[in-house]
Amino acid sequence: MQSKIDEMLTHMSHSKQQMARVLDAERQVAVRMAQIIHDLPDEHPEFDGVSGLIENSSQINKSIISYLSSIADLQEALAETLNHVVKEMGSNEEE
């Protein structure tokens, strides 16, 4: 029974590593976008007026929301995994 739990934990560990890699890639995109925004000039930006500026801001906000949503999904997956592990460990202690 312990070997099955070890296999499950190993598998979950690998899946969490893959999710962490995806989140890291998205984080790097968000960081790069923040750097680009920081490098934009403060005066007289050429965004085709206010509508262009609003559109670009909207795209940035969507990227940030996507990044935060991915972090929330990772936290939820970790919580579910830990819940299963704790249940398995509890049932093993009862046996």
PDB file of N, CA and C in Angstrom:
ATOM      1  N   MET A   1       0.825  -1.194   0.000  1.00  0.00           N
ATOM      2  CA  MET A   1       0.000   0.000   0.000  1.00  0.00           C
ATOM      3  C   MET A   1       0.870   1.258   0.000  1.00  0.00           C
ATOM      4  N   GLN A   2       1.965   1.196   0.747  1.00  0.00           N
ATOM      5  CA  GLN A   2       2.862   2.350   0.815  1.00  0.00           C
ATOM      6  C   GLN A   2       3.471   2.644  -0.554  1.00  0.00           C
ATOM      7  N   SER A   3       3.772   1.593  -1.326  1.00  0.00           N
ATOM      8  CA  SER A   3       4.360   1.815  -2.651  1.00  0.00           C
ATOM      9  C   SER A   3       3.364   2.498  -3.582  1.00  0.00           C
ATOM     10  N   LYS A   4       2.073   2.172  -3.451  1.00  0.00           N
ATOM     11  CA  LYS A   4       1.060   2.840  -4.270  1.00  0.00           C
ATOM     12  C   LYS A   4       0.986   4.324  -3.920  1.00  0.00           C
ATOM     13  N   ILE A   5       1.054   4.608  -2.641  1.00  0.00           N
ATOM     14  CA  ILE A   5       1.022   6.013  -2.211  1.00  0.00           C
ATOM     15  C   ILE A   5       2.260   6.736  -2.722  1.00  0.00           C
ATOM     16  N   ASP A   6       3.413   6.063  -2.645  1.00  0.00           N
ATOM     17  CA  ASP A   6       4.647   6.669  -3.155  1.00  0.00           C
ATOM     18  C   ASP A   6       4.549   6.945  -4.650  1.00  0.00           C
ATOM     19  N   GLU A   7       3.967   5.998  -5.397  1.00  0.00           N
ATOM     20  CA  GLU A   7       3.794   6.195  -6.837  1.00  0.00           C
ATOM     21  C   GLU A   7       2.858   7.363  -7.120  1.00  0.00           C
ATOM     22  N   MET A   8       1.767   7.444  -6.351  1.00  0.00           N
ATOM     23  CA  MET A   8       0.826   8.551  -6.533  1.00  0.00           C
ATOM     24  C   MET A   8       1.500   9.881  -6.240  1.00  0.00           C
ATOM     25  N   LEU A   9       2.261   9.927  -5.161  1.00  0.00           N
ATOM     26  CA  LEU A   9       2.951  11.168  -4.806  1.00  0.00           C
ATOM     27  C   LEU A   9       3.980  11.549  -5.859  1.00  0.00           C
ATOM     28  N   THR A  10       4.683  10.564  -6.401  1.00  0.00           N
ATOM     29  CA  THR A  10       5.662  10.836  -7.452  1.00  0.00           C
ATOM     30  C   THR A  10       4.971  11.392  -8.690  1.00  0.00           C
ATOM     31  N   HIS A  11       3.875  10.756  -9.077  1.00  0.00           N
ATOM     32  CA  HIS A  11       3.122  11.221 -10.246  1.00  0.00           C
ATOM     33  C   HIS A  11       2.592  12.635 -10.020  1.00  0.00           C
ATOM     34  N   MET A  12       2.026  12.885  -8.840  1.00  0.00           N
ATOM     35  CA  MET A  12       1.500  14.218  -8.545  1.00  0.00           C
ATOM     36  C   MET A  12       2.619  15.243  -8.519  1.00  0.00           C
ATOM     37  N   SER A  13       3.767  14.844  -8.020  1.00  0.00           N
ATOM     38  CA  SER A  13       4.906  15.753  -7.984  1.00  0.00           C
ATOM     39  C   SER A  13       5.325  16.159  -9.395  1.00  0.00           C
ATOM     40  N   HIS A  14       5.367  15.188 -10.300  1.00  0.00           N
ATOM     41  CA  HIS A  14       5.736  15.494 -11.685  1.00  0.00           C
ATOM     42  C   HIS A  14       4.708  16.406 -12.345  1.00  0.00           C
ATOM     43  N   SER A  15       3.430  16.139 -12.095  1.00  0.00           N
ATOM     44  CA  SER A  15       2.399  16.985 -12.705  1.00  0.00           C
ATOM     45  C   SER A  15       2.467  18.402 -12.150  1.00  0.00           C
ATOM     46  N   LYS A  16       2.760  18.540 -10.863  1.00  0.00           N
ATOM     47  CA  LYS A  16       2.881  19.874 -10.268  1.00  0.00           C
ATOM     48  C   LYS A  16       4.098  20.605 -10.821  1.00  0.00           C
ATOM     49  N   GLN A  17       5.171  19.869 -11.093  1.00  0.00           N
ATOM     50  CA  GLN A  17       6.349  20.494 -11.695  1.00  0.00           C
ATOM     51  C   GLN A  17       6.020  21.034 -13.079  1.00  0.00           C
ATOM     52  N   GLN A  18       5.245  20.276 -13.847  1.00  0.00           N
ATOM     53  CA  GLN A  18       4.860  20.734 -15.181  1.00  0.00           C
ATOM     54  C   GLN A  18       3.980  21.976 -15.094  1.00  0.00           C
ATOM     55  N   MET A  19       3.040  21.976 -14.145  1.00  0.00           N
ATOM     56  CA  MET A  19       2.185  23.155 -13.977  1.00  0.00           C
ATOM     57  C   MET A  19       3.019  24.354 -13.543  1.00  0.00           C
ATOM     58  N   ALA A  20       4.009  24.122 -12.700  1.00  0.00           N
ATOM     59  CA  ALA A  20       4.880  25.214 -12.258  1.00  0.00           C
ATOM     60  C   ALA A  20       5.671  25.773 -13.434  1.00  0.00           C
ATOM     61  N   ARG A  21       6.102  24.915 -14.346  1.00  0.00           N
ATOM     62  CA  ARG A  21       6.825  25.387 -15.533  1.00  0.00           C
ATOM     63  C   ARG A  21       5.935  26.267 -16.406  1.00  0.00           C
ATOM     64  N   VAL A  22       4.686  25.844 -16.573  1.00  0.00           N
ATOM     65  CA  VAL A  22       3.747  26.640 -17.372  1.00  0.00           C
ATOM     66  C   VAL A  22       3.529  27.999 -16.719  1.00  0.00           C
ATOM     67  N   LEU A  23       3.327  27.989 -15.410  1.00  0.00           N
ATOM     68  CA  LEU A  23       3.116  29.251 -14.699  1.00  0.00           C
ATOM     69  C   LEU A  23       4.350  30.140 -14.764  1.00  0.00           C
ATOM     70  N   ASP A  24       5.522  29.536 -14.700  1.00  0.00           N
ATOM     71  CA  ASP A  24       6.746  30.324 -14.793  1.00  0.00           C
ATOM     72  C   ASP A  24       6.856  30.976 -16.166  1.00  0.00           C
ATOM     73  N   ALA A  25       6.488  30.246 -17.203  1.00  0.00           N
ATOM     74  CA  ALA A  25       6.521  30.817 -18.552  1.00  0.00           C
ATOM     75  C   ALA A  25       5.549  31.990 -18.655  1.00  0.00           C
ATOM     76  N   GLU A  26       4.353  31.822 -18.093  1.00  0.00           N
ATOM     77  CA  GLU A  26       3.385  32.920 -18.117  1.00  0.00           C
ATOM     78  C   GLU A  26       3.875  34.096 -17.279  1.00  0.00           C
ATOM     79  N   ARG A  27       4.534  33.808 -16.173  1.00  0.00           N
ATOM     80  CA  ARG A  27       5.082  34.876 -15.333  1.00  0.00           C
ATOM     81  C   ARG A  27       6.131  35.662 -16.106  1.00  0.00           C
ATOM     82  N   GLN A  28       6.971  34.950 -16.847  1.00  0.00           N
ATOM     83  CA  GLN A  28       8.003  35.626 -17.625  1.00  0.00           C
ATOM     84  C   GLN A  28       7.389  36.534 -18.686  1.00  0.00           C
ATOM     85  N   VAL A  29       6.287  36.093 -19.272  1.00  0.00           N
ATOM     86  CA  VAL A  29       5.588  36.937 -20.246  1.00  0.00           C
ATOM     87  C   VAL A  29       5.071  38.197 -19.564  1.00  0.00           C
ATOM     88  N   ALA A  30       4.462  38.026 -18.394  1.00  0.00           N
ATOM     89  CA  ALA A  30       3.930  39.182 -17.665  1.00  0.00           C
ATOM     90  C   ALA A  30       5.050  40.139 -17.262  1.00  0.00           C
ATOM     91  N   VAL A  31       6.190  39.589 -16.841  1.00  0.00           N
ATOM     92  CA  VAL A  31       7.331  40.432 -16.461  1.00  0.00           C
ATOM     93  C   VAL A  31       7.834  41.203 -17.671  1.00  0.00           C
ATOM     94  N   ARG A  32       7.936  40.519 -18.793  1.00  0.00           N
ATOM     95  CA  ARG A  32       8.417  41.188 -20.014  1.00  0.00           C
ATOM     96  C   ARG A  32       7.453  42.294 -20.437  1.00  0.00           C
ATOM     97  N   MET A  33       6.161  42.032 -20.324  1.00  0.00           N
ATOM     98  CA  MET A  33       5.178  43.058 -20.670  1.00  0.00           C
ATOM     99  C   MET A  33       5.307  44.259 -19.738  1.00  0.00           C
ATOM    100  N   ALA A  34       5.551  43.997 -18.458  1.00  0.00           N
ATOM    101  CA  ALA A  34       5.734  45.091 -17.503  1.00  0.00           C
ATOM    102  C   ALA A  34       6.974  45.908 -17.860  1.00  0.00           C
ATOM    103  N   GLN A  35       8.036  45.228 -18.306  1.00  0.00           N
ATOM    104  CA  GLN A  35       9.245  45.942 -18.717  1.00  0.00           C
ATOM    105  C   GLN A  35       8.969  46.820 -19.934  1.00  0.00           C
ATOM    106  N   ILE A  36       8.202  46.292 -20.867  1.00  0.00           N
ATOM    107  CA  ILE A  36       7.862  47.071 -22.062  1.00  0.00           C
ATOM    108  C   ILE A  36       7.052  48.303 -21.672  1.00  0.00           C
ATOM    109  N   ILE A  37       6.093  48.116 -20.783  1.00  0.00           N
ATOM    110  CA  ILE A  37       5.272  49.244 -20.337  1.00  0.00           C
ATOM    111  C   ILE A  37       6.133  50.285 -19.638  1.00  0.00           C
ATOM    112  N   HIS A  38       7.069  49.811 -18.828  1.00  0.00           N
ATOM    113  CA  HIS A  38       7.955  50.728 -18.114  1.00  0.00           C
ATOM    114  C   HIS A  38       8.812  51.545 -19.089  1.00  0.00           C
ATOM    115  N   ASP A  39       9.192  50.941 -20.204  1.00  0.00           N
ATOM    116  CA  ASP A  39      10.047  51.616 -21.177  1.00  0.00           C
ATOM    117  C   ASP A  39       9.293  52.584 -22.086  1.00  0.00           C
ATOM    118  N   LEU A  40       7.971  52.549 -22.049  1.00  0.00           N
ATOM    119  CA  LEU A  40       7.204  53.471 -22.884  1.00  0.00           C
ATOM    120  C   LEU A  40       7.426  54.908 -22.410  1.00  0.00           C
ATOM    121  N   PRO A  41       7.477  55.836 -23.334  1.00  0.00           N
ATOM    122  CA  PRO A  41       7.671  57.236 -22.927  1.00  0.00           C
ATOM    123  C   PRO A  41       6.447  57.762 -22.175  1.00  0.00           C
ATOM    124  N   ASP A  42       6.706  58.651 -21.232  1.00  0.00           N
ATOM    125  CA  ASP A  42       5.625  59.226 -20.437  1.00  0.00           C
ATOM    126  C   ASP A  42       4.863  60.317 -21.184  1.00  0.00           C
ATOM    127  N   GLU A  43       5.503  60.921 -22.154  1.00  0.00           N
ATOM    128  CA  GLU A  43       4.875  62.034 -22.859  1.00  0.00           C
ATOM    129  C   GLU A  43       4.577  61.670 -24.306  1.00  0.00           C
ATOM    130  N   HIS A  44       3.424  62.079 -24.762  1.00  0.00           N
ATOM    131  CA  HIS A  44       3.000  61.961 -26.153  1.00  0.00           C
ATOM    132  C   HIS A  44       3.147  60.550 -26.728  1.00  0.00           C
ATOM    133  N   PRO A  45       2.542  59.577 -26.105  1.00  0.00           N
ATOM    134  CA  PRO A  45       2.612  58.234 -26.694  1.00  0.00           C
ATOM    135  C   PRO A  45       1.807  58.179 -27.992  1.00  0.00           C
ATOM    136  N   GLU A  46       2.256  57.385 -28.914  1.00  0.00           N
ATOM    137  CA  GLU A  46       1.601  57.258 -30.217  1.00  0.00           C
ATOM    138  C   GLU A  46       0.766  55.974 -30.241  1.00  0.00           C
ATOM    139  N   PHE A  47      -0.419  56.035 -29.649  1.00  0.00           N
ATOM    140  CA  PHE A  47      -1.304  54.873 -29.597  1.00  0.00           C
ATOM    141  C   PHE A  47      -2.590  55.112 -30.374  1.00  0.00           C
ATOM    142  N   ASP A  48      -2.554  55.924 -31.362  1.00  0.00           N
ATOM    143  CA  ASP A  48      -3.750  56.258 -32.141  1.00  0.00           C
ATOM    144  C   ASP A  48      -4.834  56.853 -31.255  1.00  0.00           C
ATOM    145  N   GLY A  49      -4.433  57.715 -30.385  1.00  0.00           N
ATOM    146  CA  GLY A  49      -5.398  58.401 -29.534  1.00  0.00           C
ATOM    147  C   GLY A  49      -5.801  57.584 -28.322  1.00  0.00           C
ATOM    148  N   VAL A  50      -6.855  58.037 -27.707  1.00  0.00           N
ATOM    149  CA  VAL A  50      -7.325  57.425 -26.468  1.00  0.00           C
ATOM    150  C   VAL A  50      -7.824  56.001 -26.713  1.00  0.00           C
ATOM    151  N   SER A  51      -8.489  55.759 -27.827  1.00  0.00           N
ATOM    152  CA  SER A  51      -9.030  54.418 -28.092  1.00  0.00           C
ATOM    153  C   SER A  51      -7.910  53.383 -28.219  1.00  0.00           C
ATOM    154  N   GLY A  52      -6.807  53.744 -28.855  1.00  0.00           N
ATOM    155  CA  GLY A  52      -5.669  52.828 -28.964  1.00  0.00           C
ATOM    156  C   GLY A  52      -5.034  52.556 -27.619  1.00  0.00           C
ATOM    157  N   LEU A  53      -4.939  53.588 -26.799  1.00  0.00           N
ATOM    158  CA  LEU A  53      -4.383  53.439 -25.456  1.00  0.00           C
ATOM    159  C   LEU A  53      -5.265  52.527 -24.611  1.00  0.00           C
ATOM    160  N   ILE A  54      -6.565  52.701 -24.714  1.00  0.00           N
ATOM    161  CA  ILE A  54      -7.503  51.855 -23.959  1.00  0.00           C
ATOM    162  C   ILE A  54      -7.403  50.405 -24.427  1.00  0.00           C
ATOM    163  N   GLU A  55      -7.281  50.192 -25.723  1.00  0.00           N
ATOM    164  CA  GLU A  55      -7.171  48.830 -26.256  1.00  0.00           C
ATOM    165  C   GLU A  55      -5.899  48.143 -25.758  1.00  0.00           C
ATOM    166  N   ASN A  56      -4.777  48.857 -25.786  1.00  0.00           N
ATOM    167  CA  ASN A  56      -3.518  48.281 -25.306  1.00  0.00           C
ATOM    168  C   ASN A  56      -3.577  47.994 -23.809  1.00  0.00           C
ATOM    169  N   SER A  57      -4.176  48.889 -23.051  1.00  0.00           N
ATOM    170  CA  SER A  57      -4.334  48.667 -21.613  1.00  0.00           C
ATOM    171  C   SER A  57      -5.212  47.452 -21.353  1.00  0.00           C
ATOM    172  N   SER A  58      -6.229  47.281 -22.155  1.00  0.00           N
ATOM    173  CA  SER A  58      -7.125  46.137 -22.019  1.00  0.00           C
ATOM    174  C   SER A  58      -6.374  44.828 -22.260  1.00  0.00           C
ATOM    175  N   GLN A  59      -5.516  44.798 -23.260  1.00  0.00           N
ATOM    176  CA  GLN A  59      -4.737  43.593 -23.543  1.00  0.00           C
ATOM    177  C   GLN A  59      -3.793  43.266 -22.390  1.00  0.00           C
ATOM    178  N   ILE A  60      -3.195  44.271 -21.814  1.00  0.00           N
ATOM    179  CA  ILE A  60      -2.300  44.056 -20.671  1.00  0.00           C
ATOM    180  C   ILE A  60      -3.089  43.518 -19.484  1.00  0.00           C
ATOM    181  N   ASN A  61      -4.243  44.102 -19.231  1.00  0.00           N
ATOM    182  CA  ASN A  61      -5.081  43.630 -18.126  1.00  0.00           C
ATOM    183  C   ASN A  61      -5.502  42.181 -18.325  1.00  0.00           C
ATOM    184  N   LYS A  62      -5.825  41.802 -19.556  1.00  0.00           N
ATOM    185  CA  LYS A  62      -6.208  40.418 -19.838  1.00  0.00           C
ATOM    186  C   LYS A  62      -5.051  39.469 -19.542  1.00  0.00           C
ATOM    187  N   SER A  63      -3.839  39.866 -19.878  1.00  0.00           N
ATOM    188  CA  SER A  63      -2.678  39.017 -19.609  1.00  0.00           C
ATOM    189  C   SER A  63      -2.450  38.855 -18.111  1.00  0.00           C
ATOM    190  N   ILE A  64      -2.599  39.927 -17.377  1.00  0.00           N
ATOM    191  CA  ILE A  64      -2.421  39.864 -15.925  1.00  0.00           C
ATOM    192  C   ILE A  64      -3.505  38.991 -15.301  1.00  0.00           C
ATOM    193  N   ILE A  65      -4.733  39.128 -15.762  1.00  0.00           N
ATOM    194  CA  ILE A  65      -5.832  38.308 -15.248  1.00  0.00           C
ATOM    195  C   ILE A  65      -5.579  36.839 -15.551  1.00  0.00           C
ATOM    196  N   SER A  66      -5.094  36.545 -16.739  1.00  0.00           N
ATOM    197  CA  SER A  66      -4.787  35.164 -17.111  1.00  0.00           C
ATOM    198  C   SER A  66      -3.708  34.586 -16.203  1.00  0.00           C
ATOM    199  N   TYR A  67      -2.692  35.377 -15.925  1.00  0.00           N
ATOM    200  CA  TYR A  67      -1.606  34.938 -15.042  1.00  0.00           C
ATOM    201  C   TYR A  67      -2.136  34.651 -13.638  1.00  0.00           C
ATOM    202  N   LEU A  68      -2.930  35.550 -13.102  1.00  0.00           N
ATOM    203  CA  LEU A  68      -3.475  35.357 -11.759  1.00  0.00           C
ATOM    204  C   LEU A  68      -4.431  34.165 -11.711  1.00  0.00           C
ATOM    205  N   SER A  69      -5.172  33.964 -12.778  1.00  0.00           N
ATOM    206  CA  SER A  69      -6.069  32.810 -12.851  1.00  0.00           C
ATOM    207  C   SER A  69      -5.272  31.509 -12.847  1.00  0.00           C
ATOM    208  N   SER A  70      -4.145  31.500 -13.536  1.00  0.00           N
ATOM    209  CA  SER A  70      -3.292  30.309 -13.548  1.00  0.00           C
ATOM    210  C   SER A  70      -2.741  30.014 -12.165  1.00  0.00           C
ATOM    211  N   ILE A  71      -2.376  31.045 -11.439  1.00  0.00           N
ATOM    212  CA  ILE A  71      -1.892  30.850 -10.070  1.00  0.00           C
ATOM    213  C   ILE A  71      -3.008  30.275  -9.203  1.00  0.00           C
ATOM    214  N   ALA A  72      -4.218  30.780  -9.373  1.00  0.00           N
ATOM    215  CA  ALA A  72      -5.355  30.267  -8.601  1.00  0.00           C
ATOM    216  C   ALA A  72      -5.614  28.800  -8.942  1.00  0.00           C
ATOM    217  N   ASP A  73      -5.518  28.442 -10.229  1.00  0.00           N
ATOM    218  CA  ASP A  73      -5.703  27.045 -10.633  1.00  0.00           C
ATOM    219  C   ASP A  73      -4.638  26.150 -10.013  1.00  0.00           C
ATOM    220  N   LEU A  74      -3.403  26.633  -9.973  1.00  0.00           N
ATOM    221  CA  LEU A  74      -2.325  25.859  -9.360  1.00  0.00           C
ATOM    222  C   LEU A  74      -2.595  25.647  -7.876  1.00  0.00           C
ATOM    223  N   GLN A  75      -3.012  26.689  -7.188  1.00  0.00           N
ATOM    224  CA  GLN A  75      -3.309  26.563  -5.764  1.00  0.00           C
ATOM    225  C   GLN A  75      -4.450  25.577  -5.530  1.00  0.00           C
ATOM    226  N   GLU A  76      -5.457  25.627  -6.370  1.00  0.00           N
ATOM    227  CA  GLU A  76      -6.587  24.710  -6.233  1.00  0.00           C
ATOM    228  C   GLU A  76      -6.144  23.270  -6.464  1.00  0.00           C
ATOM    229  N   ALA A  77      -5.312  23.051  -7.474  1.00  0.00           N
ATOM    230  CA  ALA A  77      -4.819  21.701  -7.756  1.00  0.00           C
ATOM    231  C   ALA A  77      -3.964  21.183  -6.607  1.00  0.00           C
ATOM    232  N   LEU A  78      -3.136  22.049  -6.050  1.00  0.00           N
ATOM    233  CA  LEU A  78      -2.316  21.643  -4.906  1.00  0.00           C
ATOM    234  C   LEU A  78      -3.186  21.287  -3.706  1.00  0.00           C
ATOM    235  N   ALA A  79      -4.222  22.065  -3.471  1.00  0.00           N
ATOM    236  CA  ALA A  79      -5.119  21.792  -2.348  1.00  0.00           C
ATOM    237  C   ALA A  79      -5.827  20.454  -2.533  1.00  0.00           C
ATOM    238  N   GLU A  80      -6.295  20.176  -3.744  1.00  0.00           N
ATOM    239  CA  GLU A  80      -6.961  18.901  -4.005  1.00  0.00           C
ATOM    240  C   GLU A  80      -5.998  17.735  -3.810  1.00  0.00           C
ATOM    241  N   THR A  81      -4.786  17.898  -4.303  1.00  0.00           N
ATOM    242  CA  THR A  81      -3.786  16.840  -4.173  1.00  0.00           C
ATOM    243  C   THR A  81      -3.465  16.575  -2.712  1.00  0.00           C
ATOM    244  N   LEU A  82      -3.250  17.635  -1.965  1.00  0.00           N
ATOM    245  CA  LEU A  82      -2.943  17.467  -0.549  1.00  0.00           C
ATOM    246  C   LEU A  82      -4.115  16.842   0.200  1.00  0.00           C
ATOM    247  N   ASN A  83      -5.320  17.184  -0.204  1.00  0.00           N
ATOM    248  CA  ASN A  83      -6.504  16.598   0.418  1.00  0.00           C
ATOM    249  C   ASN A  83      -6.512  15.083   0.220  1.00  0.00           C
ATOM    250  N   HIS A  84      -6.225  14.630  -1.004  1.00  0.00           N
ATOM    251  CA  HIS A  84      -6.188  13.195  -1.287  1.00  0.00           C
ATOM    252  C   HIS A  84      -5.061  12.508  -0.510  1.00  0.00           C
ATOM    253  N   VAL A  85      -3.917  13.151  -0.448  1.00  0.00           N
ATOM    254  CA  VAL A  85      -2.776  12.566   0.261  1.00  0.00           C
ATOM    255  C   VAL A  85      -3.087  12.428   1.748  1.00  0.00           C
ATOM    256  N   VAL A  86      -3.676  13.462   2.330  1.00  0.00           N
ATOM    257  CA  VAL A  86      -4.006  13.415   3.756  1.00  0.00           C
ATOM    258  C   VAL A  86      -5.030  12.316   4.026  1.00  0.00           C
ATOM    259  N   LYS A  87      -6.019  12.172   3.148  1.00  0.00           N
ATOM    260  CA  LYS A  87      -7.012  11.106   3.314  1.00  0.00           C
ATOM    261  C   LYS A  87      -6.351   9.737   3.245  1.00  0.00           C
ATOM    262  N   GLU A  88      -5.448   9.549   2.282  1.00  0.00           N
ATOM    263  CA  GLU A  88      -4.753   8.267   2.141  1.00  0.00           C
ATOM    264  C   GLU A  88      -3.879   7.983   3.356  1.00  0.00           C
ATOM    265  N   MET A  89      -3.186   8.981   3.815  1.00  0.00           N
ATOM    266  CA  MET A  89      -2.323   8.790   4.983  1.00  0.00           C
ATOM    267  C   MET A  89      -3.172   8.471   6.218  1.00  0.00           C
ATOM    268  N   GLY A  90      -4.324   9.116   6.337  1.00  0.00           N
ATOM    269  CA  GLY A  90      -5.218   8.852   7.462  1.00  0.00           C
ATOM    270  C   GLY A  90      -5.784   7.446   7.415  1.00  0.00           C
ATOM    271  N   SER A  91      -6.142   6.975   6.221  1.00  0.00           N
ATOM    272  CA  SER A  91      -6.686   5.621   6.106  1.00  0.00           C
ATOM    273  C   SER A  91      -5.602   4.579   6.354  1.00  0.00           C
ATOM    274  N   ASN A  92      -4.358   4.886   6.004  1.00  0.00           N
ATOM    275  CA  ASN A  92      -3.252   3.957   6.269  1.00  0.00           C
ATOM    276  C   ASN A  92      -2.963   3.856   7.756  1.00  0.00           C
ATOM    277  N   GLU A  93      -3.093   4.945   8.469  1.00  0.00           N
ATOM    278  CA  GLU A  93      -2.839   4.927   9.905  1.00  0.00           C
ATOM    279  C   GLU A  93      -3.909   4.129  10.634  1.00  0.00           C
ATOM    280  N   GLU A  94      -5.146   4.156  10.117  1.00  0.00           N
ATOM    281  CA  GLU A  94      -6.227   3.403  10.736  1.00  0.00           C
ATOM    282  C   GLU A  94      -6.048   1.906  10.541  1.00  0.00           C
ATOM    283  N   GLU A  95      -5.429   1.513   9.423  1.00  0.00           N
ATOM    284  CA  GLU A  95      -5.224   0.089   9.139  1.00  0.00           C
ATOM    285  C   GLU A  95      -4.122  -0.409  10.004  1.00  0.00           C
TER     286      GLU A  95
END
